[in-house]
Amino acid sequence: MSWSLSGTYFESCNCNVVCPCIFLGPPTTGECTALVGWHIDEGHDEGVSLSGLNVALAVHTQGNMAENQWSVAVYVDARADEKQNASLMKIYGGQGGGHPARLASHIGEIVGVRQVPIEFTASNGKHSLKIPEIAHTEIETSTGQEDGPISISGHPLCIAPGQTLTVAKSNSFSYADHDMAWEFSDKSGLFSPFSYQSEQ
């Protein structure tokens, strides 16, 4: 069972900048509502190519994300054929091992799975993800000293191990599906490269 994925990960959530959840702290509003997306630049599962595809999760947690189970809605790129969809569901569902299995261990409930168009863009410090009629979020890089990007490394709750996060802020966030509806702006955003692979 050999697979690998690499590309860009980003998230937008309702915490104030910077999200305390990545430091194992409680969310700033008592609950976490987040949209997490992965754009796969290069990927394969045995002989199945996964390059160019997108995956997204809508995540809700009451209280500390590290201590409480997540309710998750799963969205897989509509362009994925049957074999690609099966591979992505296996990997992100945790059955393929590697870091996604660790992330999947936090999931207490999957409220739904949909195969949908997912539009991902990244340009000029902005990242956006759109699922028509369901979700849309855009985050923009936050700047610090000498107008450079603000980065975080070594954080304990990590979606992309070994990578340095860039801090961002949401220009917009809206989500409505599975009896959940969230809308906000000027809240936390994060992005980084990611690289996952099966355990050797």
Protein backbone atom coordinates (compact mmCIF):
# COMPACT_ATOMS: atom_id res chain seq x y z
CA MET A 1 0.00 0.00 0.00
CA SER A 2 2.24 2.80 -1.28
CA TRP A 3 0.88 6.31 -1.74
CA SER A 4 2.07 9.91 -1.49
CA LEU A 5 0.52 13.39 -1.72
CA SER A 6 2.05 16.86 -1.81
CA GLY A 7 0.71 20.32 -2.49
CA THR A 8 -0.89 23.20 -0.60
CA TYR A 9 -3.00 23.03 2.55
CA PHE A 10 -4.99 25.92 3.98
CA GLU A 11 -7.72 26.57 6.48
CA SER A 12 -10.05 29.30 7.61
CA CYS A 13 -11.82 29.26 10.97
CA ASN A 14 -13.84 31.40 13.36
CA CYS A 15 -11.00 31.97 15.86
CA ASN A 16 -9.35 35.33 16.21
CA VAL A 17 -5.95 35.60 14.56
CA VAL A 18 -3.84 33.58 15.45
CA CYS A 19 -5.93 30.45 16.12
CA PRO A 20 -5.08 29.17 19.64
CA CYS A 21 -6.11 25.63 18.68
CA ILE A 22 -2.74 25.01 17.00
CA PHE A 23 -1.14 25.64 20.41
CA LEU A 24 -3.59 23.18 22.07
CA GLY A 25 -5.60 26.06 23.52
CA PRO A 26 -9.40 26.45 23.46
CA PRO A 27 -11.00 28.23 20.48
CA THR A 28 -11.62 31.91 21.06
CA THR A 29 -15.43 31.58 20.85
CA GLY A 30 -15.79 28.28 22.72
CA GLU A 31 -16.32 26.29 19.54
CA CYS A 32 -14.43 25.78 16.29
CA THR A 33 -16.02 26.10 12.85
CA ALA A 34 -13.49 25.63 10.08
CA LEU A 35 -13.04 24.85 6.43
CA VAL A 36 -9.85 22.94 5.66
CA GLY A 37 -8.69 22.37 2.08
CA TRP A 38 -5.90 20.51 0.29
CA HIS A 39 -4.84 21.09 -3.30
CA ILE A 40 -2.78 18.11 -4.48
CA ASP A 41 -0.04 19.17 -6.87
CA GLU A 42 1.41 15.68 -7.12
CA GLY A 43 -0.06 12.48 -5.79
CA HIS A 44 -0.48 8.79 -6.44
CA ASP A 45 -1.91 5.70 -4.80
CA GLU A 46 -0.23 2.67 -6.33
CA GLY A 47 -1.05 3.19 -10.04
CA VAL A 48 -3.76 5.80 -9.50
CA SER A 49 -2.79 9.43 -10.18
CA LEU A 50 -4.24 11.98 -7.74
CA SER A 51 -2.42 15.04 -9.12
CA GLY A 52 -4.47 18.20 -9.53
CA LEU A 53 -7.36 17.11 -7.30
CA ASN A 54 -8.82 18.86 -4.24
CA VAL A 55 -10.22 17.68 -0.93
CA ALA A 56 -12.01 19.75 1.72
CA LEU A 57 -13.40 19.20 5.21
CA ALA A 58 -15.92 21.32 7.08
CA VAL A 59 -15.13 20.84 10.77
CA HIS A 60 -17.10 21.63 13.91
CA THR A 61 -15.84 21.08 17.45
CA GLN A 62 -17.20 22.12 20.83
CA GLY A 63 -14.29 23.23 22.98
CA ASN A 64 -10.64 22.29 22.58
CA MET A 65 -9.91 20.56 19.26
CA ALA A 66 -7.17 18.42 20.77
CA GLU A 67 -9.45 17.14 23.54
CA ASN A 68 -12.83 16.80 21.81
CA GLN A 69 -13.98 14.80 18.81
CA TRP A 70 -14.74 16.59 15.55
CA SER A 71 -17.92 16.54 13.48
CA VAL A 72 -16.85 16.58 9.84
CA ALA A 73 -18.39 16.94 6.40
CA VAL A 74 -16.18 15.53 3.64
CA TYR A 75 -15.95 16.96 0.12
CA VAL A 76 -14.05 15.23 -2.68
CA ASP A 77 -13.32 16.76 -6.09
CA ALA A 78 -16.01 16.01 -8.67
CA ARG A 79 -13.28 15.47 -11.27
CA ALA A 80 -12.09 12.35 -9.45
CA ASP A 81 -13.10 9.12 -11.17
CA GLU A 82 -14.20 6.05 -9.23
CA LYS A 83 -10.67 4.81 -8.49
CA GLN A 84 -9.39 8.29 -7.57
CA ASN A 85 -12.36 8.87 -5.27
CA ALA A 86 -11.76 5.54 -3.55
CA SER A 87 -8.08 6.38 -3.06
CA LEU A 88 -8.80 9.81 -1.60
CA MET A 89 -11.46 8.43 0.73
CA LYS A 90 -9.05 5.73 1.90
CA ILE A 91 -6.19 8.16 2.52
CA TYR A 92 -8.16 10.97 4.15
CA GLY A 93 -10.33 8.48 6.03
CA GLY A 94 -7.20 7.16 7.71
CA GLN A 95 -7.25 3.64 6.25
CA GLY A 96 -4.05 4.30 4.31
CA GLY A 97 -1.98 5.15 7.40
CA GLY A 98 0.46 8.04 7.54
CA HIS A 99 -0.39 11.46 8.98
CA PRO A 100 -3.98 11.49 7.63
CA ALA A 101 -4.69 8.51 9.90
CA ARG A 102 -3.62 10.61 12.88
CA LEU A 103 -5.89 13.45 11.78
CA ALA A 104 -8.78 11.02 11.22
CA SER A 105 -8.42 9.78 14.80
CA HIS A 106 -9.84 13.13 15.97
CA ILE A 107 -13.06 12.63 14.00
CA GLY A 108 -16.02 11.51 16.08
CA GLU A 109 -18.76 11.86 13.47
CA ILE A 110 -18.88 12.16 9.69
CA VAL A 111 -22.09 14.05 8.98
CA GLY A 112 -21.89 13.56 5.23
CA VAL A 113 -19.72 12.86 2.20
CA ARG A 114 -20.20 14.58 -1.14
CA GLN A 115 -18.36 14.54 -4.45
CA VAL A 116 -18.61 18.13 -5.68
CA PRO A 117 -16.83 20.72 -7.82
CA ILE A 118 -14.07 22.30 -5.70
CA GLU A 119 -12.40 25.44 -7.03
CA PHE A 120 -8.99 26.23 -5.51
CA THR A 121 -6.93 29.32 -6.29
CA ALA A 122 -3.67 30.72 -4.86
CA SER A 123 -2.20 34.01 -6.06
CA ASN A 124 -0.53 37.13 -4.62
CA GLY A 125 -0.79 35.98 -1.02
CA LYS A 126 -4.45 35.00 -1.31
CA HIS A 127 -5.89 31.49 -1.14
CA SER A 128 -9.50 30.67 -1.85
CA LEU A 129 -11.70 27.60 -1.96
CA LYS A 130 -15.20 27.47 -3.38
CA ILE A 131 -17.77 24.69 -3.41
CA PRO A 132 -20.72 26.06 -5.41
CA GLU A 133 -23.86 26.63 -3.29
CA ILE A 134 -22.10 25.22 -0.21
CA ALA A 135 -18.93 27.06 0.79
CA HIS A 136 -16.62 29.89 -0.11
CA THR A 137 -13.64 31.23 1.78
CA GLU A 138 -10.76 33.52 0.91
CA ILE A 139 -7.78 34.19 3.18
CA GLU A 140 -5.01 36.74 2.71
CA THR A 141 -1.48 36.67 4.10
CA SER A 142 -0.97 38.73 7.26
CA THR A 143 2.15 40.88 7.31
CA GLY A 144 4.54 41.68 10.15
CA GLN A 145 8.04 43.10 10.37
CA GLU A 146 9.17 44.93 7.24
CA ASP A 147 5.84 43.98 5.65
CA GLY A 148 6.92 40.35 5.45
CA PRO A 149 4.67 37.33 6.10
CA ILE A 150 4.18 36.07 9.66
CA SER A 151 5.15 32.44 10.12
CA ILE A 152 4.77 29.76 12.80
CA SER A 153 6.76 26.56 13.16
CA GLY A 154 6.88 23.77 15.70
CA HIS A 155 3.20 24.10 16.69
CA PRO A 156 1.82 20.94 18.33
CA LEU A 157 -1.57 20.61 16.57
CA CYS A 158 -0.28 20.30 13.03
CA ILE A 159 -2.08 19.50 9.78
CA ALA A 160 1.17 19.56 7.77
CA PRO A 161 4.07 18.18 9.85
CA GLY A 162 7.52 19.58 9.14
CA GLN A 163 6.15 22.65 7.39
CA THR A 164 6.09 26.28 8.52
CA LEU A 165 2.66 27.88 8.62
CA THR A 166 1.95 31.28 7.14
CA VAL A 167 -0.55 33.34 9.11
CA ALA A 168 -3.48 34.82 7.23
CA LYS A 169 -6.82 36.50 7.83
CA SER A 170 -10.13 35.70 6.17
CA ASN A 171 -11.59 38.22 3.76
CA SER A 172 -14.74 36.11 3.67
CA PHE A 173 -16.10 32.80 4.94
CA SER A 174 -19.47 31.23 4.31
CA TYR A 175 -20.66 27.64 4.67
CA ALA A 176 -24.11 26.04 4.65
CA ASP A 177 -24.69 22.28 4.48
CA HIS A 178 -25.78 19.36 6.68
CA ASP A 179 -27.80 21.67 8.98
CA MET A 180 -24.71 23.78 9.69
CA ALA A 181 -24.43 27.43 8.63
CA TRP A 182 -21.46 29.71 9.37
CA GLU A 183 -20.53 33.14 8.05
CA PHE A 184 -17.81 35.56 9.16
CA SER A 185 -14.76 37.56 8.07
CA ASP A 186 -11.55 38.98 9.57
CA LYS A 187 -10.86 35.74 11.42
CA SER A 188 -8.00 33.24 11.44
CA GLY A 189 -6.45 31.75 8.32
CA LEU A 190 -3.39 29.52 7.88
CA PHE A 191 -1.62 27.90 4.94
CA SER A 192 1.50 25.92 4.12
CA PRO A 193 2.86 23.26 1.80
CA PHE A 194 2.05 19.70 2.84
CA SER A 195 3.56 16.31 2.13
CA TYR A 196 1.96 13.03 3.22
CA GLN A 197 2.97 9.47 2.46
CA SER A 198 2.22 5.92 3.50
CA GLU A 199 4.26 4.58 6.37
CA GLN A 200 7.32 2.70 5.17
